[in-house]
Amino acid sequence: ALFVVQLLNSLVRDSIIAYSPRKHRFDWDEHKIASLRMGDSVASLIVSNLSRLRSGERKSLRILSCFGVQSDMSLVKLIDGSPDIAPKQGKTIESFLPGLIEGGILEVSGPLVAFSHDLIQHHVYDNIPDDERRQLHLDIGLYLGSMTLLDAHTLKSSLDGGVDQLYLSDASSTTDDSVAKPSTLVSIVTDQINAAGPHFVADESQ
């Protein structure tokens, strides 16, 4: 199913298949289809489709891939509040979602935004350069950590004793259910800082 979706998206994007208002149906260019050269696997189609995305869309996918196959929209809104993590100056992840959803790369179900297939998430994540991926995890962890009332120094120094031992105050200043509560961010902050790696974090703190 993923191969078919990615193939059709590719054909529509290249105007090989298009809706004809006159015929009231989709039409296609037989000559272009006959001369079309493409991979015969899901992976090759994913690579082809992702390579044509705008830089802001690619950066958005890289950020989202750091959370796994899916993440909560409230988390996306929190991340969008950081100009240092933003996919593009003056732009937010949320602003790029419609195009990525229309392209069949992401999908939204209730409060969750998810990659349409785990193969796409794996490809995006695995192709982030190592240092850039670690820095992205660290930036995300520190920024979300600031949302939990813990400062950057506390988060970094806590690695010596194990970041999984971090605790938060029970008090929360937010009452908006659409925003992720600090108590739900602890494990996410932990995962992000740990994914950056202690050696990388130590180098950054010096």
N, C-alpha and C. Protein backbone atom coordinates (compact mmCIF):
# COMPACT_ATOMS: atom_id res chain seq x y z
N ALA A 1 0.82 -1.20 0.00
CA ALA A 1 0.00 0.00 0.00
C ALA A 1 0.86 1.26 0.00
N LEU A 2 1.95 1.24 0.78
CA LEU A 2 2.83 2.41 0.84
C LEU A 2 3.45 2.69 -0.52
N PHE A 3 3.85 1.62 -1.23
CA PHE A 3 4.45 1.79 -2.56
C PHE A 3 3.47 2.47 -3.50
N VAL A 4 2.21 2.03 -3.47
CA VAL A 4 1.19 2.60 -4.35
C VAL A 4 0.96 4.07 -4.04
N VAL A 5 0.86 4.40 -2.73
CA VAL A 5 0.65 5.79 -2.32
C VAL A 5 1.80 6.68 -2.78
N GLN A 6 3.03 6.23 -2.53
CA GLN A 6 4.20 7.01 -2.91
C GLN A 6 4.31 7.14 -4.43
N LEU A 7 3.97 6.07 -5.15
CA LEU A 7 4.01 6.10 -6.61
C LEU A 7 2.99 7.10 -7.16
N LEU A 8 1.77 7.04 -6.67
CA LEU A 8 0.74 7.96 -7.15
C LEU A 8 1.08 9.40 -6.81
N ASN A 9 1.61 9.62 -5.62
CA ASN A 9 2.02 10.98 -5.24
C ASN A 9 3.10 11.51 -6.18
N SER A 10 4.01 10.62 -6.55
CA SER A 10 5.08 11.00 -7.47
C SER A 10 4.53 11.34 -8.85
N LEU A 11 3.60 10.55 -9.33
CA LEU A 11 3.01 10.79 -10.66
C LEU A 11 2.17 12.07 -10.70
N VAL A 12 1.45 12.33 -9.61
CA VAL A 12 0.65 13.54 -9.54
C VAL A 12 1.55 14.77 -9.43
N ARG A 13 2.58 14.66 -8.61
CA ARG A 13 3.51 15.78 -8.42
C ARG A 13 4.18 16.17 -9.73
N ASP A 14 4.49 15.17 -10.57
CA ASP A 14 5.16 15.44 -11.85
C ASP A 14 4.18 15.69 -12.98
N SER A 15 2.88 15.84 -12.62
CA SER A 15 1.82 16.14 -13.59
C SER A 15 1.68 15.06 -14.66
N ILE A 16 2.07 13.84 -14.33
CA ILE A 16 1.88 12.73 -15.26
C ILE A 16 0.44 12.23 -15.15
N ILE A 17 -0.10 12.33 -13.94
CA ILE A 17 -1.51 12.06 -13.71
C ILE A 17 -2.14 13.33 -13.18
N ALA A 18 -3.25 13.73 -13.76
CA ALA A 18 -3.92 14.96 -13.32
C ALA A 18 -5.42 14.83 -13.55
N TYR A 19 -6.16 15.55 -12.74
CA TYR A 19 -7.62 15.52 -12.89
C TYR A 19 -8.03 16.40 -14.06
N SER A 20 -8.90 15.85 -14.90
CA SER A 20 -9.40 16.58 -16.06
C SER A 20 -10.84 17.05 -15.79
N PRO A 21 -11.05 18.35 -15.59
CA PRO A 21 -12.41 18.86 -15.37
C PRO A 21 -13.33 18.56 -16.56
N ARG A 22 -12.74 18.55 -17.76
CA ARG A 22 -13.55 18.32 -18.96
C ARG A 22 -14.07 16.89 -19.01
N LYS A 23 -13.21 15.94 -18.64
CA LYS A 23 -13.58 14.53 -18.67
C LYS A 23 -14.20 14.06 -17.35
N HIS A 24 -14.09 14.92 -16.32
CA HIS A 24 -14.61 14.58 -15.00
C HIS A 24 -13.96 13.31 -14.43
N ARG A 25 -12.68 13.17 -14.70
CA ARG A 25 -11.93 12.03 -14.17
C ARG A 25 -10.44 12.34 -14.27
N PHE A 26 -9.65 11.48 -13.65
CA PHE A 26 -8.21 11.64 -13.77
C PHE A 26 -7.75 11.16 -15.13
N ASP A 27 -6.79 11.85 -15.67
CA ASP A 27 -6.23 11.49 -16.98
C ASP A 27 -4.72 11.37 -16.83
N TRP A 28 -4.07 10.74 -17.79
CA TRP A 28 -2.63 10.55 -17.69
C TRP A 28 -1.98 10.63 -19.06
N ASP A 29 -0.69 10.89 -19.03
CA ASP A 29 0.10 11.01 -20.25
C ASP A 29 0.78 9.67 -20.51
N GLU A 30 0.27 8.93 -21.49
CA GLU A 30 0.78 7.58 -21.76
C GLU A 30 2.24 7.60 -22.21
N HIS A 31 2.63 8.62 -22.97
CA HIS A 31 4.01 8.69 -23.44
C HIS A 31 4.98 8.90 -22.28
N LYS A 32 4.62 9.77 -21.34
CA LYS A 32 5.47 10.00 -20.17
C LYS A 32 5.56 8.76 -19.30
N ILE A 33 4.43 8.06 -19.15
CA ILE A 33 4.43 6.85 -18.34
C ILE A 33 5.31 5.78 -18.99
N ALA A 34 5.23 5.66 -20.32
CA ALA A 34 6.02 4.67 -21.03
C ALA A 34 7.52 4.93 -20.91
N SER A 35 7.89 6.19 -20.84
CA SER A 35 9.31 6.55 -20.77
C SER A 35 9.79 6.77 -19.34
N LEU A 36 8.91 6.55 -18.39
CA LEU A 36 9.23 6.81 -17.00
C LEU A 36 10.24 5.80 -16.48
N ARG A 37 11.24 6.32 -15.76
CA ARG A 37 12.25 5.47 -15.13
C ARG A 37 12.21 5.72 -13.62
N MET A 38 11.92 4.70 -12.89
CA MET A 38 11.86 4.85 -11.43
C MET A 38 12.22 3.54 -10.76
N GLY A 39 12.55 3.63 -9.50
CA GLY A 39 12.88 2.43 -8.75
C GLY A 39 11.66 1.55 -8.56
N ASP A 40 11.93 0.30 -8.27
CA ASP A 40 10.82 -0.64 -8.09
C ASP A 40 10.61 -1.00 -6.63
N SER A 41 11.10 -0.15 -5.72
CA SER A 41 10.94 -0.43 -4.30
C SER A 41 10.39 0.79 -3.57
N VAL A 42 9.82 0.54 -2.40
CA VAL A 42 9.30 1.63 -1.58
C VAL A 42 10.42 2.59 -1.21
N ALA A 43 11.58 2.03 -0.85
CA ALA A 43 12.70 2.85 -0.41
C ALA A 43 13.13 3.84 -1.50
N SER A 44 13.22 3.38 -2.73
CA SER A 44 13.67 4.27 -3.80
C SER A 44 12.67 5.37 -4.07
N LEU A 45 11.38 5.06 -3.94
CA LEU A 45 10.35 6.08 -4.14
C LEU A 45 10.37 7.11 -3.01
N ILE A 46 10.58 6.63 -1.78
CA ILE A 46 10.66 7.54 -0.63
C ILE A 46 11.82 8.51 -0.82
N VAL A 47 12.97 7.97 -1.21
CA VAL A 47 14.15 8.82 -1.43
C VAL A 47 13.86 9.85 -2.50
N SER A 48 13.23 9.42 -3.58
CA SER A 48 12.92 10.33 -4.69
C SER A 48 11.96 11.43 -4.25
N ASN A 49 10.92 11.05 -3.51
CA ASN A 49 9.92 12.03 -3.08
C ASN A 49 10.48 13.00 -2.04
N LEU A 50 11.27 12.49 -1.09
CA LEU A 50 11.81 13.36 -0.05
C LEU A 50 12.85 14.32 -0.60
N SER A 51 13.57 13.91 -1.61
CA SER A 51 14.62 14.77 -2.17
C SER A 51 14.05 16.00 -2.85
N ARG A 52 12.78 15.97 -3.17
CA ARG A 52 12.16 17.10 -3.87
C ARG A 52 11.46 18.07 -2.93
N LEU A 53 11.51 17.79 -1.65
CA LEU A 53 10.86 18.67 -0.68
C LEU A 53 11.63 19.96 -0.50
N ARG A 54 10.93 21.00 -0.06
CA ARG A 54 11.59 22.26 0.27
C ARG A 54 12.42 22.08 1.54
N SER A 55 13.41 22.94 1.71
CA SER A 55 14.33 22.81 2.85
C SER A 55 13.58 22.85 4.18
N GLY A 56 12.58 23.73 4.28
CA GLY A 56 11.80 23.83 5.52
C GLY A 56 11.01 22.56 5.80
N GLU A 57 10.52 21.92 4.75
CA GLU A 57 9.80 20.66 4.91
C GLU A 57 10.75 19.56 5.36
N ARG A 58 11.93 19.52 4.77
CA ARG A 58 12.91 18.50 5.16
C ARG A 58 13.34 18.69 6.61
N LYS A 59 13.57 19.94 7.01
CA LYS A 59 13.97 20.20 8.40
C LYS A 59 12.85 19.83 9.36
N SER A 60 11.61 20.12 8.98
CA SER A 60 10.46 19.75 9.83
C SER A 60 10.42 18.25 10.04
N LEU A 61 10.65 17.49 8.98
CA LEU A 61 10.64 16.03 9.08
C LEU A 61 11.77 15.54 9.97
N ARG A 62 12.92 16.19 9.86
CA ARG A 62 14.06 15.79 10.70
C ARG A 62 13.73 16.00 12.18
N ILE A 63 13.13 17.13 12.48
CA ILE A 63 12.75 17.41 13.87
C ILE A 63 11.74 16.37 14.36
N LEU A 64 10.71 16.13 13.57
CA LEU A 64 9.67 15.18 13.97
C LEU A 64 10.23 13.77 14.11
N SER A 65 11.19 13.41 13.26
CA SER A 65 11.75 12.06 13.31
C SER A 65 12.48 11.79 14.62
N CYS A 66 12.92 12.85 15.30
CA CYS A 66 13.62 12.69 16.58
C CYS A 66 12.69 12.19 17.67
N PHE A 67 11.37 12.25 17.44
CA PHE A 67 10.41 11.77 18.43
C PHE A 67 9.88 10.39 18.07
N GLY A 68 10.36 9.81 16.99
CA GLY A 68 9.87 8.51 16.58
C GLY A 68 8.85 8.64 15.46
N VAL A 69 8.00 7.64 15.35
CA VAL A 69 7.04 7.59 14.24
C VAL A 69 5.92 8.61 14.42
N GLN A 70 5.57 8.95 15.66
CA GLN A 70 4.49 9.90 15.88
C GLN A 70 4.78 10.79 17.07
N SER A 71 4.13 11.93 17.09
CA SER A 71 4.24 12.84 18.23
C SER A 71 2.93 13.60 18.38
N ASP A 72 2.74 14.16 19.56
CA ASP A 72 1.53 14.90 19.86
C ASP A 72 1.62 16.31 19.28
N MET A 73 0.51 16.81 18.76
CA MET A 73 0.50 18.15 18.19
C MET A 73 0.84 19.21 19.23
N SER A 74 0.50 18.94 20.48
CA SER A 74 0.84 19.90 21.53
C SER A 74 2.35 20.02 21.67
N LEU A 75 3.06 18.92 21.43
CA LEU A 75 4.51 18.92 21.46
C LEU A 75 5.07 19.72 20.28
N VAL A 76 4.45 19.56 19.13
CA VAL A 76 4.86 20.32 17.94
C VAL A 76 4.70 21.81 18.20
N LYS A 77 3.60 22.19 18.84
CA LYS A 77 3.36 23.61 19.14
C LYS A 77 4.42 24.15 20.11
N LEU A 78 4.83 23.32 21.06
CA LEU A 78 5.88 23.74 21.99
C LEU A 78 7.20 23.95 21.24
N ILE A 79 7.57 23.00 20.41
CA ILE A 79 8.81 23.10 19.64
C ILE A 79 8.80 24.32 18.74
N ASP A 80 7.64 24.63 18.19
CA ASP A 80 7.53 25.78 17.30
C ASP A 80 7.79 27.10 18.02
N GLY A 81 7.82 27.05 19.34
CA GLY A 81 8.10 28.26 20.11
C GLY A 81 9.58 28.57 20.23
N SER A 82 10.42 27.67 19.72
CA SER A 82 11.87 27.87 19.80
C SER A 82 12.43 28.33 18.46
N PRO A 83 12.95 29.56 18.37
CA PRO A 83 13.53 30.04 17.11
C PRO A 83 14.80 29.27 16.75
N ASP A 84 15.46 28.66 17.73
CA ASP A 84 16.69 27.91 17.46
C ASP A 84 16.43 26.57 16.79
N ILE A 85 15.24 26.02 17.00
CA ILE A 85 14.91 24.71 16.43
C ILE A 85 14.04 24.86 15.19
N ALA A 86 13.48 26.01 14.99
CA ALA A 86 12.56 26.26 13.88
C ALA A 86 13.11 25.73 12.55
N PRO A 87 12.26 25.11 11.73
CA PRO A 87 12.72 24.56 10.45
C PRO A 87 13.24 25.62 9.49
N LYS A 88 12.76 26.83 9.63
CA LYS A 88 13.19 27.92 8.76
C LYS A 88 12.85 29.23 9.46
N GLN A 89 13.70 30.23 9.29
CA GLN A 89 13.48 31.50 9.97
C GLN A 89 12.10 32.06 9.66
N GLY A 90 11.34 32.32 10.73
CA GLY A 90 10.00 32.87 10.56
C GLY A 90 8.95 31.84 10.22
N LYS A 91 9.34 30.57 10.14
CA LYS A 91 8.39 29.50 9.80
C LYS A 91 8.33 28.48 10.93
N THR A 92 7.22 27.76 10.99
CA THR A 92 7.05 26.74 12.02
C THR A 92 6.82 25.37 11.37
N ILE A 93 7.01 24.34 12.18
CA ILE A 93 6.71 22.98 11.69
C ILE A 93 5.26 22.91 11.25
N GLU A 94 4.38 23.50 12.07
CA GLU A 94 2.94 23.44 11.79
C GLU A 94 2.61 24.05 10.44
N SER A 95 3.36 25.08 10.03
CA SER A 95 3.08 25.73 8.74
C SER A 95 3.43 24.83 7.56
N PHE A 96 4.31 23.85 7.77
CA PHE A 96 4.70 22.95 6.69
C PHE A 96 3.87 21.66 6.68
N LEU A 97 3.05 21.45 7.71
CA LEU A 97 2.29 20.20 7.80
C LEU A 97 1.33 19.97 6.63
N PRO A 98 0.55 20.97 6.19
CA PRO A 98 -0.40 20.71 5.11
C PRO A 98 0.23 20.11 3.87
N GLY A 99 1.38 20.64 3.43
CA GLY A 99 2.03 20.11 2.24
C GLY A 99 2.55 18.70 2.46
N LEU A 100 3.06 18.42 3.65
CA LEU A 100 3.59 17.10 3.95
C LEU A 100 2.47 16.07 4.07
N ILE A 101 1.33 16.51 4.57
CA ILE A 101 0.17 15.62 4.66
C ILE A 101 -0.40 15.36 3.27
N GLU A 102 -0.50 16.41 2.48
CA GLU A 102 -1.02 16.26 1.12
C GLU A 102 -0.11 15.35 0.29
N GLY A 103 1.18 15.39 0.57
CA GLY A 103 2.13 14.55 -0.15
C GLY A 103 2.19 13.12 0.34
N GLY A 104 1.38 12.79 1.35
CA GLY A 104 1.33 11.41 1.84
C GLY A 104 2.49 11.03 2.73
N ILE A 105 3.27 12.01 3.18
CA ILE A 105 4.44 11.72 4.02
C ILE A 105 4.05 11.69 5.50
N LEU A 106 3.16 12.60 5.88
CA LEU A 106 2.64 12.64 7.24
C LEU A 106 1.14 12.46 7.23
N GLU A 107 0.60 12.12 8.36
CA GLU A 107 -0.85 12.05 8.52
C GLU A 107 -1.20 12.48 9.94
N VAL A 108 -2.39 13.03 10.08
CA VAL A 108 -2.85 13.48 11.40
C VAL A 108 -4.07 12.67 11.80
N SER A 109 -4.03 12.18 13.03
CA SER A 109 -5.15 11.44 13.58
C SER A 109 -5.41 11.95 14.98
N GLY A 110 -6.48 12.71 15.14
CA GLY A 110 -6.76 13.30 16.44
C GLY A 110 -5.65 14.25 16.83
N PRO A 111 -5.09 14.07 18.03
CA PRO A 111 -4.03 14.98 18.49
C PRO A 111 -2.64 14.57 18.01
N LEU A 112 -2.56 13.48 17.23
CA LEU A 112 -1.26 12.96 16.84
C LEU A 112 -0.91 13.29 15.39
N VAL A 113 0.35 13.63 15.17
CA VAL A 113 0.88 13.75 13.81
C VAL A 113 1.90 12.63 13.66
N ALA A 114 1.80 11.88 12.56
CA ALA A 114 2.62 10.69 12.41
C ALA A 114 3.14 10.56 10.99
N PHE A 115 4.27 9.90 10.86
CA PHE A 115 4.76 9.53 9.54
C PHE A 115 3.80 8.48 8.99
N SER A 116 3.53 8.55 7.70
CA SER A 116 2.56 7.62 7.13
C SER A 116 3.07 6.18 7.13
N HIS A 117 4.38 6.02 7.27
CA HIS A 117 4.96 4.67 7.40
C HIS A 117 6.27 4.79 8.16
N ASP A 118 6.57 3.77 8.97
CA ASP A 118 7.81 3.85 9.75
C ASP A 118 9.05 3.84 8.87
N LEU A 119 8.95 3.32 7.64
CA LEU A 119 10.09 3.34 6.73
C LEU A 119 10.50 4.78 6.40
N ILE A 120 9.52 5.66 6.29
CA ILE A 120 9.81 7.06 6.00
C ILE A 120 10.52 7.70 7.18
N GLN A 121 10.01 7.44 8.38
CA GLN A 121 10.65 8.00 9.58
C GLN A 121 12.08 7.50 9.72
N HIS A 122 12.29 6.20 9.48
CA HIS A 122 13.63 5.64 9.59
C HIS A 122 14.57 6.26 8.57
N HIS A 123 14.09 6.45 7.36
CA HIS A 123 14.94 7.03 6.32
C HIS A 123 15.33 8.46 6.67
N VAL A 124 14.35 9.25 7.10
CA VAL A 124 14.63 10.64 7.47
C VAL A 124 15.63 10.70 8.61
N TYR A 125 15.38 9.94 9.66
CA TYR A 125 16.21 9.98 10.86
C TYR A 125 17.63 9.47 10.58
N ASP A 126 17.72 8.35 9.87
CA ASP A 126 19.03 7.73 9.62
C ASP A 126 19.90 8.57 8.70
N ASN A 127 19.30 9.49 7.95
CA ASN A 127 20.07 10.30 7.02
C ASN A 127 20.41 11.69 7.56
N ILE A 128 20.13 11.92 8.84
CA ILE A 128 20.60 13.15 9.48
C ILE A 128 22.07 12.92 9.85
N PRO A 129 23.00 13.79 9.44
CA PRO A 129 24.40 13.63 9.84
C PRO A 129 24.51 13.48 11.35
N ASP A 130 25.43 12.63 11.80
CA ASP A 130 25.51 12.26 13.21
C ASP A 130 25.59 13.47 14.15
N ASP A 131 26.52 14.40 13.89
CA ASP A 131 26.66 15.56 14.77
C ASP A 131 25.41 16.43 14.75
N GLU A 132 24.80 16.57 13.57
CA GLU A 132 23.58 17.38 13.47
C GLU A 132 22.45 16.72 14.23
N ARG A 133 22.36 15.38 14.15
CA ARG A 133 21.30 14.66 14.86
C ARG A 133 21.47 14.80 16.37
N ARG A 134 22.69 14.66 16.85
CA ARG A 134 22.95 14.79 18.28
C ARG A 134 22.65 16.22 18.77
N GLN A 135 23.04 17.21 17.96
CA GLN A 135 22.78 18.60 18.32
C GLN A 135 21.28 18.87 18.35
N LEU A 136 20.56 18.29 17.41
CA LEU A 136 19.11 18.48 17.36
C LEU A 136 18.45 17.87 18.58
N HIS A 137 18.87 16.67 18.96
CA HIS A 137 18.34 16.04 20.18
C HIS A 137 18.64 16.91 21.40
N LEU A 138 19.86 17.42 21.46
CA LEU A 138 20.25 18.25 22.60
C LEU A 138 19.43 19.53 22.66
N ASP A 139 19.29 20.21 21.51
CA ASP A 139 18.52 21.45 21.46
C ASP A 139 17.07 21.21 21.88
N ILE A 140 16.50 20.11 21.39
CA ILE A 140 15.11 19.78 21.73
C ILE A 140 15.01 19.49 23.23
N GLY A 141 15.94 18.69 23.74
CA GLY A 141 15.91 18.33 25.15
C GLY A 141 16.04 19.53 26.07
N LEU A 142 16.98 20.42 25.74
CA LEU A 142 17.19 21.60 26.58
C LEU A 142 16.01 22.56 26.50
N TYR A 143 15.45 22.71 25.30
CA TYR A 143 14.32 23.62 25.17
C TYR A 143 13.10 23.09 25.91
N LEU A 144 12.80 21.80 25.72
CA LEU A 144 11.66 21.22 26.44
C LEU A 144 11.93 21.18 27.93
N GLY A 145 13.22 21.01 28.28
CA GLY A 145 13.58 21.03 29.69
C GLY A 145 13.25 22.38 30.32
N SER A 146 13.44 23.45 29.54
CA SER A 146 13.10 24.78 30.07
C SER A 146 11.61 24.91 30.30
N MET A 147 10.83 24.12 29.55
CA MET A 147 9.38 24.12 29.75
C MET A 147 9.00 23.41 31.05
N THR A 148 9.92 22.59 31.56
CA THR A 148 9.64 21.84 32.78
C THR A 148 10.23 22.53 34.01
N LEU A 149 10.60 23.79 33.85
CA LEU A 149 11.14 24.60 34.94
C LEU A 149 12.56 24.21 35.35
N LEU A 150 13.24 23.44 34.47
CA LEU A 150 14.63 23.08 34.73
C LEU A 150 15.50 23.86 33.75
N ASP A 151 16.57 24.49 34.23
CA ASP A 151 17.41 25.25 33.33
C ASP A 151 18.45 24.36 32.65
N ALA A 152 19.14 24.91 31.66
CA ALA A 152 20.10 24.14 30.88
C ALA A 152 21.21 23.57 31.74
N HIS A 153 21.70 24.34 32.72
CA HIS A 153 22.79 23.86 33.57
C HIS A 153 22.35 22.65 34.38
N THR A 154 21.12 22.69 34.89
CA THR A 154 20.61 21.58 35.68
C THR A 154 20.51 20.32 34.83
N LEU A 155 20.01 20.48 33.60
CA LEU A 155 19.86 19.33 32.72
C LEU A 155 21.21 18.71 32.38
N LYS A 156 22.19 19.57 32.04
CA LYS A 156 23.50 19.06 31.66
C LYS A 156 24.21 18.40 32.83
N SER A 157 24.21 19.05 33.99
CA SER A 157 24.92 18.52 35.15
C SER A 157 24.27 17.25 35.67
N SER A 158 22.98 17.09 35.41
CA SER A 158 22.27 15.91 35.90
C SER A 158 22.73 14.65 35.19
N LEU A 159 23.40 14.77 34.05
CA LEU A 159 23.86 13.60 33.33
C LEU A 159 24.83 12.77 34.17
N ASP A 160 25.59 13.44 35.04
CA ASP A 160 26.56 12.73 35.87
C ASP A 160 25.88 11.71 36.77
N GLY A 161 24.67 12.05 37.20
CA GLY A 161 23.96 11.14 38.09
C GLY A 161 22.88 10.35 37.38
N GLY A 162 22.76 10.53 36.07
CA GLY A 162 21.72 9.84 35.31
C GLY A 162 20.53 10.74 35.10
N VAL A 163 20.30 11.09 33.84
CA VAL A 163 19.23 12.04 33.55
C VAL A 163 17.86 11.45 33.84
N ASP A 164 17.80 10.11 33.93
CA ASP A 164 16.50 9.48 34.19
C ASP A 164 16.04 9.72 35.62
N GLN A 165 16.88 10.33 36.46
CA GLN A 165 16.50 10.58 37.85
C GLN A 165 15.95 11.99 38.05
N LEU A 166 15.76 12.73 36.96
CA LEU A 166 15.22 14.08 37.08
C LEU A 166 13.78 14.03 37.57
N TYR A 167 13.43 14.98 38.43
CA TYR A 167 12.06 15.10 38.91
C TYR A 167 11.59 16.53 38.76
N LEU A 168 10.27 16.66 38.66
CA LEU A 168 9.68 17.98 38.48
C LEU A 168 8.80 18.34 39.67
N SER A 169 8.59 19.63 39.81
CA SER A 169 7.60 20.10 40.77
C SER A 169 6.22 19.68 40.28
N ASP A 170 5.33 19.39 41.20
CA ASP A 170 3.97 19.02 40.82
C ASP A 170 3.19 20.23 40.31
N ALA A 171 3.69 21.41 40.63
CA ALA A 171 2.97 22.62 40.23
C ALA A 171 3.12 22.86 38.74
N SER A 172 2.01 23.22 38.10
CA SER A 172 2.03 23.54 36.67
C SER A 172 1.28 24.84 36.47
N SER A 173 1.90 25.74 35.71
CA SER A 173 1.29 27.06 35.51
C SER A 173 0.30 27.07 34.37
N THR A 174 0.21 25.97 33.62
CA THR A 174 -0.68 25.94 32.47
C THR A 174 -1.96 25.19 32.79
N THR A 175 -3.06 25.67 32.26
CA THR A 175 -4.34 25.00 32.44
C THR A 175 -4.97 24.66 31.10
N ASP A 176 -4.26 24.95 30.00
CA ASP A 176 -4.78 24.70 28.66
C ASP A 176 -4.51 23.25 28.29
N ASP A 177 -5.58 22.47 28.07
CA ASP A 177 -5.43 21.05 27.77
C ASP A 177 -4.75 20.81 26.43
N SER A 178 -4.69 21.81 25.56
CA SER A 178 -4.07 21.63 24.24
C SER A 178 -2.56 21.74 24.32
N VAL A 179 -2.03 22.11 25.47
CA VAL A 179 -0.58 22.26 25.65
C VAL A 179 -0.07 21.12 26.51
N ALA A 180 1.07 20.52 26.10
CA ALA A 180 1.63 19.41 26.86
C ALA A 180 1.99 19.87 28.26
N LYS A 181 1.58 19.10 29.27
CA LYS A 181 1.86 19.45 30.65
C LYS A 181 3.31 19.07 31.00
N PRO A 182 3.94 19.81 31.93
CA PRO A 182 5.31 19.48 32.32
C PRO A 182 5.49 18.03 32.74
N SER A 183 4.51 17.45 33.40
CA SER A 183 4.66 16.07 33.87
C SER A 183 4.80 15.09 32.72
N THR A 184 4.28 15.42 31.55
CA THR A 184 4.38 14.52 30.41
C THR A 184 5.66 14.76 29.62
N LEU A 185 6.40 15.79 29.96
CA LEU A 185 7.61 16.14 29.21
C LEU A 185 8.87 15.52 29.80
N VAL A 186 8.80 15.03 31.04
CA VAL A 186 10.01 14.53 31.70
C VAL A 186 10.66 13.41 30.90
N SER A 187 9.88 12.41 30.53
CA SER A 187 10.45 11.28 29.80
C SER A 187 10.94 11.70 28.41
N ILE A 188 10.26 12.69 27.80
CA ILE A 188 10.69 13.17 26.49
C ILE A 188 12.02 13.89 26.59
N VAL A 189 12.14 14.75 27.62
CA VAL A 189 13.41 15.45 27.86
C VAL A 189 14.52 14.44 28.10
N THR A 190 14.23 13.43 28.92
CA THR A 190 15.19 12.38 29.22
C THR A 190 15.65 11.69 27.94
N ASP A 191 14.69 11.28 27.10
CA ASP A 191 15.02 10.58 25.86
C ASP A 191 15.87 11.44 24.94
N GLN A 192 15.52 12.72 24.83
CA GLN A 192 16.24 13.60 23.91
C GLN A 192 17.68 13.84 24.37
N ILE A 193 17.86 14.11 25.67
CA ILE A 193 19.21 14.34 26.19
C ILE A 193 20.04 13.08 26.08
N ASN A 194 19.45 11.94 26.40
CA ASN A 194 20.18 10.68 26.29
C ASN A 194 20.55 10.37 24.85
N ALA A 195 19.67 10.72 23.90
CA ALA A 195 19.95 10.46 22.49
C ALA A 195 21.12 11.31 22.00
N ALA A 196 21.30 12.48 22.61
CA ALA A 196 22.44 13.33 22.24
C ALA A 196 23.74 12.67 22.67
N GLY A 197 23.70 11.92 23.77
CA GLY A 197 24.89 11.22 24.24
C GLY A 197 25.66 12.05 25.25
N PRO A 198 26.15 11.44 26.32
CA PRO A 198 26.85 12.17 27.36
C PRO A 198 28.12 12.86 26.90
N HIS A 199 28.86 12.21 25.97
CA HIS A 199 30.10 12.81 25.50
C HIS A 199 29.82 14.08 24.68
N PHE A 200 28.76 14.02 23.86
CA PHE A 200 28.40 15.18 23.05
C PHE A 200 27.93 16.32 23.94
N VAL A 201 27.12 16.00 24.93
CA VAL A 201 26.60 17.02 25.85
C VAL A 201 27.74 17.63 26.65
N ALA A 202 28.69 16.80 27.08
CA ALA A 202 29.82 17.30 27.85
C ALA A 202 30.66 18.26 27.02
N ASP A 203 30.86 17.93 25.74
CA ASP A 203 31.63 18.81 24.86
C ASP A 203 30.93 20.14 24.67
N GLU A 204 29.61 20.11 24.54
CA GLU A 204 28.83 21.32 24.31
C GLU A 204 28.84 22.23 25.54
N SER A 205 28.95 21.64 26.74
CA SER A 205 28.86 22.41 27.97
C SER A 205 30.18 23.07 28.35
N GLN A 206 31.26 22.65 27.69
CA GLN A 206 32.58 23.20 28.02
C GLN A 206 32.81 24.54 27.35
